[in-house]
Every structure is written in C-alpha cells, then in structure tokens.
Amino acid sequence: MKSLFLILTTVLTLNHVQSQNVANYILELESNTKWDAVEATWAPLRNAWVAESKKRNTAQTTAGLLLSFESNLKWTSVEESWKTNRDKWVANCEKATSNAQVAGLLIELESYIKWTAVDEKWKTRRDAWIKELK
C-alpha cells in the first residue's frame, strides 16, 4: 500500500512539474513576442496572466493560458494559413487533458508566428525550446 502511495505521489508530482514547465514555455514565448505583435488589450491583462502562469496549473488551465495568449496575437503576427487552422487548434486546446497535448499545441502555435513578431534572441533559442518541449 505504501509503495502504491509513493508511485501515485510521484506521478502527480511529475504531472505538476510538466504542467508548470509547459506554462513556463508559454511564458517564454510570450516574453519573446514583440509588443507590436499583440493587441493593445493584452497589456492590462498580462500581469494577471503571468501570475496565473506561475501557479500550480492543470493541463486544462495551462491550455487556457495558451488560448489567452493566442487570442491576443494580432492577425498580422501570424502566417496567413493560421486563419484556416485556428478553429481546429482552438478546439484541440479546449479538449486538451495532458501536458504533452498542450506542449504540442504550443509548438504548433509557435510555428505560425512570424519571425517579425518575435525578438531576435528567439531565433537562436527556438530550436532548443522545441526540443525541450518534445
């Protein structure tokens, strides 16, 4: 019984760590996104969003943070093809139940964000960021 408890505790702890890590990666992408790439409405929301990103979040909450960030990106900041793929992506975010799903959705969103919308340092960080998320 004690072994089962330890295994369950370990799994739950890892789930939180992974969830927190995914939230940190969302925060990192957002931090490397230029202010002119997001809607003006993002500025007053950002502090609360950052605070929420640092909490103990479930995969569903983390997916909500990702949706919130995406919904404040300007259309000019993403590739034209995002318009046709976005609805399916949003639906997948809304039904995400695992950190791996949220990480995949984050990578997908990032792939549509234009280089002109991110800081120069993102261009050198991106490949490692993707590898860490996979």
C-alpha atoms as a PDB file:
ATOM      1  CA  MET A   1       0.000   0.000   0.000  1.00  0.00           C
ATOM      2  CA  LYS A   2       2.834   2.364   0.879  1.00  0.00           C
ATOM      3  CA  SER A   3       4.501   1.632  -2.486  1.00  0.00           C
ATOM      4  CA  LEU A   4       1.287   2.419  -4.343  1.00  0.00           C
ATOM      5  CA  PHE A   5       1.005   5.716  -2.476  1.00  0.00           C
ATOM      6  CA  LEU A   6       4.603   6.633  -3.346  1.00  0.00           C
ATOM      7  CA  ILE A   7       4.044   5.802  -7.011  1.00  0.00           C
ATOM      8  CA  LEU A   8       0.847   7.860  -7.121  1.00  0.00           C
ATOM      9  CA  THR A   9       2.564  10.783  -5.377  1.00  0.00           C
ATOM     10  CA  THR A  10       5.454  10.617  -7.846  1.00  0.00           C
ATOM     11  CA  VAL A  11       3.110  10.579 -10.849  1.00  0.00           C
ATOM     12  CA  LEU A  12       1.109  13.525  -9.511  1.00  0.00           C
ATOM     13  CA  THR A  13       4.296  15.459  -8.762  1.00  0.00           C
ATOM     14  CA  LEU A  14       5.669  14.800 -12.243  1.00  0.00           C
ATOM     15  CA  ASN A  15       2.342  15.852 -13.749  1.00  0.00           C
ATOM     16  CA  HIS A  16       2.546  19.166 -11.898  1.00  0.00           C
ATOM     17  CA  VAL A  17       6.187  19.671 -12.871  1.00  0.00           C
ATOM     18  CA  GLN A  18       5.387  19.005 -16.518  1.00  0.00           C
ATOM     19  CA  SER A  19       2.365  21.290 -16.370  1.00  0.00           C
ATOM     20  CA  GLN A  20       4.401  24.035 -14.762  1.00  0.00           C
ATOM     21  CA  ASN A  21       7.148  23.519 -17.311  1.00  0.00           C
ATOM     22  CA  VAL A  22       4.711  23.871 -20.215  1.00  0.00           C
ATOM     23  CA  ALA A  23       3.355  27.071 -18.659  1.00  0.00           C
ATOM     24  CA  ASN A  24       6.933  28.342 -18.373  1.00  0.00           C
ATOM     25  CA  TYR A  25       7.490  27.650 -22.071  1.00  0.00           C
ATOM     26  CA  ILE A  26       4.317  29.558 -22.946  1.00  0.00           C
ATOM     27  CA  LEU A  27       5.581  32.426 -20.811  1.00  0.00           C
ATOM     28  CA  GLU A  28       8.955  32.268 -22.542  1.00  0.00           C
ATOM     29  CA  LEU A  29       7.371  32.506 -25.993  1.00  0.00           C
ATOM     30  CA  GLU A  30       5.154  35.364 -24.863  1.00  0.00           C
ATOM     31  CA  SER A  31       8.148  37.175 -23.348  1.00  0.00           C
ATOM     32  CA  ASN A  32       9.950  36.937 -26.679  1.00  0.00           C
ATOM     33  CA  THR A  33       6.968  38.232 -28.634  1.00  0.00           C
ATOM     34  CA  LYS A  34       7.196  41.907 -29.543  1.00  0.00           C
ATOM     35  CA  TRP A  35       4.658  44.302 -28.065  1.00  0.00           C
ATOM     36  CA  ASP A  36       3.600  45.453 -31.520  1.00  0.00           C
ATOM     37  CA  ALA A  37       2.690  41.827 -32.338  1.00  0.00           C
ATOM     38  CA  VAL A  38      -0.043  41.684 -29.693  1.00  0.00           C
ATOM     39  CA  GLU A  39      -3.304  43.558 -29.313  1.00  0.00           C
ATOM     40  CA  ALA A  40      -3.348  46.666 -27.117  1.00  0.00           C
ATOM     41  CA  THR A  41      -5.797  44.820 -24.862  1.00  0.00           C
ATOM     42  CA  TRP A  42      -3.008  42.421 -23.847  1.00  0.00           C
ATOM     43  CA  ALA A  43      -1.067  44.957 -21.759  1.00  0.00           C
ATOM     44  CA  PRO A  44      -3.649  45.302 -18.946  1.00  0.00           C
ATOM     45  CA  LEU A  45      -4.229  41.518 -18.902  1.00  0.00           C
ATOM     46  CA  ARG A  46      -0.605  40.453 -18.939  1.00  0.00           C
ATOM     47  CA  ASN A  47       0.333  40.801 -15.243  1.00  0.00           C
ATOM     48  CA  ALA A  48      -2.547  38.588 -14.097  1.00  0.00           C
ATOM     49  CA  TRP A  49      -1.775  36.140 -16.917  1.00  0.00           C
ATOM     50  CA  VAL A  50       1.891  35.933 -15.859  1.00  0.00           C
ATOM     51  CA  ALA A  51       0.855  35.377 -12.229  1.00  0.00           C
ATOM     52  CA  GLU A  52      -1.517  32.598 -13.311  1.00  0.00           C
ATOM     53  CA  SER A  53       1.263  31.046 -15.403  1.00  0.00           C
ATOM     54  CA  LYS A  54       3.402  30.682 -12.287  1.00  0.00           C
ATOM     55  CA  LYS A  55       0.744  28.845 -10.258  1.00  0.00           C
ATOM     56  CA  ARG A  56       0.261  25.097  -9.951  1.00  0.00           C
ATOM     57  CA  ASN A  57      -1.770  24.509 -13.068  1.00  0.00           C
ATOM     58  CA  THR A  58      -3.515  21.519 -14.566  1.00  0.00           C
ATOM     59  CA  ALA A  59      -3.091  20.736 -18.247  1.00  0.00           C
ATOM     60  CA  GLN A  60      -6.519  22.282 -18.856  1.00  0.00           C
ATOM     61  CA  THR A  61      -5.557  25.514 -17.096  1.00  0.00           C
ATOM     62  CA  THR A  62      -2.280  25.654 -18.996  1.00  0.00           C
ATOM     63  CA  ALA A  63      -4.179  25.180 -22.263  1.00  0.00           C
ATOM     64  CA  GLY A  64      -6.386  28.102 -21.212  1.00  0.00           C
ATOM     65  CA  LEU A  65      -3.292  30.254 -20.714  1.00  0.00           C
ATOM     66  CA  LEU A  66      -2.137  29.294 -24.189  1.00  0.00           C
ATOM     67  CA  LEU A  67      -5.542  30.201 -25.653  1.00  0.00           C
ATOM     68  CA  SER A  68      -5.463  33.534 -23.864  1.00  0.00           C
ATOM     69  CA  PHE A  69      -2.057  34.400 -25.296  1.00  0.00           C
ATOM     70  CA  GLU A  70      -3.022  33.294 -28.805  1.00  0.00           C
ATOM     71  CA  SER A  71      -6.261  35.280 -28.762  1.00  0.00           C
ATOM     72  CA  ASN A  72      -4.253  38.447 -28.131  1.00  0.00           C
ATOM     73  CA  LEU A  73      -1.855  37.964 -31.036  1.00  0.00           C
ATOM     74  CA  LYS A  74      -2.556  40.255 -33.952  1.00  0.00           C
ATOM     75  CA  TRP A  75      -3.518  38.565 -37.214  1.00  0.00           C
ATOM     76  CA  THR A  76      -0.549  40.310 -38.835  1.00  0.00           C
ATOM     77  CA  SER A  77       1.745  38.463 -36.404  1.00  0.00           C
ATOM     78  CA  VAL A  78       0.840  35.009 -37.685  1.00  0.00           C
ATOM     79  CA  GLU A  79       1.040  33.305 -41.044  1.00  0.00           C
ATOM     80  CA  GLU A  80      -1.998  33.658 -43.297  1.00  0.00           C
ATOM     81  CA  SER A  81      -2.630  29.901 -43.088  1.00  0.00           C
ATOM     82  CA  TRP A  82      -3.320  30.252 -39.349  1.00  0.00           C
ATOM     83  CA  LYS A  83      -6.793  31.526 -40.250  1.00  0.00           C
ATOM     84  CA  THR A  84      -7.737  28.154 -41.714  1.00  0.00           C
ATOM     85  CA  ASN A  85      -6.068  26.083 -38.988  1.00  0.00           C
ATOM     86  CA  ARG A  86      -7.017  28.117 -35.927  1.00  0.00           C
ATOM     87  CA  ASP A  87     -10.509  26.732 -35.286  1.00  0.00           C
ATOM     88  CA  LYS A  88      -9.254  23.151 -35.088  1.00  0.00           C
ATOM     89  CA  TRP A  89      -6.348  24.276 -32.894  1.00  0.00           C
ATOM     90  CA  VAL A  90      -8.721  26.103 -30.509  1.00  0.00           C
ATOM     91  CA  ALA A  91     -10.947  23.013 -30.308  1.00  0.00           C
ATOM     92  CA  ASN A  92      -7.904  20.884 -29.502  1.00  0.00           C
ATOM     93  CA  CYS A  93      -6.854  23.330 -26.773  1.00  0.00           C
ATOM     94  CA  GLU A  94     -10.324  23.220 -25.270  1.00  0.00           C
ATOM     95  CA  LYS A  95     -10.255  19.435 -25.036  1.00  0.00           C
ATOM     96  CA  ALA A  96      -6.579  19.018 -24.033  1.00  0.00           C
ATOM     97  CA  THR A  97      -6.166  16.795 -20.992  1.00  0.00           C
ATOM     98  CA  SER A  98      -2.424  16.186 -20.907  1.00  0.00           C
ATOM     99  CA  ASN A  99       0.713  18.259 -20.730  1.00  0.00           C
ATOM    100  CA  ALA A 100       2.012  16.541 -23.855  1.00  0.00           C
ATOM    101  CA  GLN A 101      -1.046  17.714 -25.783  1.00  0.00           C
ATOM    102  CA  VAL A 102      -0.611  21.286 -24.561  1.00  0.00           C
ATOM    103  CA  ALA A 103       3.099  21.202 -25.424  1.00  0.00           C
ATOM    104  CA  GLY A 104       2.253  20.037 -28.946  1.00  0.00           C
ATOM    105  CA  LEU A 105      -0.330  22.791 -29.319  1.00  0.00           C
ATOM    106  CA  LEU A 106       2.211  25.349 -28.123  1.00  0.00           C
ATOM    107  CA  ILE A 107       4.747  24.154 -30.686  1.00  0.00           C
ATOM    108  CA  GLU A 108       2.060  24.310 -33.369  1.00  0.00           C
ATOM    109  CA  LEU A 109       1.110  27.893 -32.495  1.00  0.00           C
ATOM    110  CA  GLU A 110       4.739  28.980 -32.422  1.00  0.00           C
ATOM    111  CA  SER A 111       5.254  27.549 -35.908  1.00  0.00           C
ATOM    112  CA  TYR A 112       2.685  30.014 -37.269  1.00  0.00           C
ATOM    113  CA  ILE A 113       4.117  33.099 -35.546  1.00  0.00           C
ATOM    114  CA  LYS A 114       6.112  35.212 -37.984  1.00  0.00           C
ATOM    115  CA  TRP A 115       9.781  35.996 -37.384  1.00  0.00           C
ATOM    116  CA  THR A 116       8.907  39.690 -37.497  1.00  0.00           C
ATOM    117  CA  ALA A 117       6.720  39.198 -34.408  1.00  0.00           C
ATOM    118  CA  VAL A 118       9.484  37.860 -32.148  1.00  0.00           C
ATOM    119  CA  ASP A 119      12.697  39.235 -30.698  1.00  0.00           C
ATOM    120  CA  GLU A 120      15.995  38.447 -32.397  1.00  0.00           C
ATOM    121  CA  LYS A 121      17.142  36.272 -29.488  1.00  0.00           C
ATOM    122  CA  TRP A 122      14.161  33.964 -30.091  1.00  0.00           C
ATOM    123  CA  LYS A 123      15.653  32.917 -33.405  1.00  0.00           C
ATOM    124  CA  THR A 124      18.630  31.353 -31.608  1.00  0.00           C
ATOM    125  CA  ARG A 125      16.570  29.942 -28.705  1.00  0.00           C
ATOM    126  CA  ARG A 126      13.789  28.378 -30.811  1.00  0.00           C
ATOM    127  CA  ASP A 127      15.345  25.030 -31.784  1.00  0.00           C
ATOM    128  CA  ALA A 128      16.367  24.169 -28.220  1.00  0.00           C
ATOM    129  CA  TRP A 129      12.961  25.346 -26.935  1.00  0.00           C
ATOM    130  CA  ILE A 130      11.188  22.931 -29.291  1.00  0.00           C
ATOM    131  CA  LYS A 131      13.488  20.021 -28.350  1.00  0.00           C
ATOM    132  CA  GLU A 132      12.876  20.667 -24.657  1.00  0.00           C
ATOM    133  CA  LEU A 133       9.116  20.640 -25.167  1.00  0.00           C
ATOM    134  CA  LYS A 134       9.080  17.350 -27.084  1.00  0.00           C
END
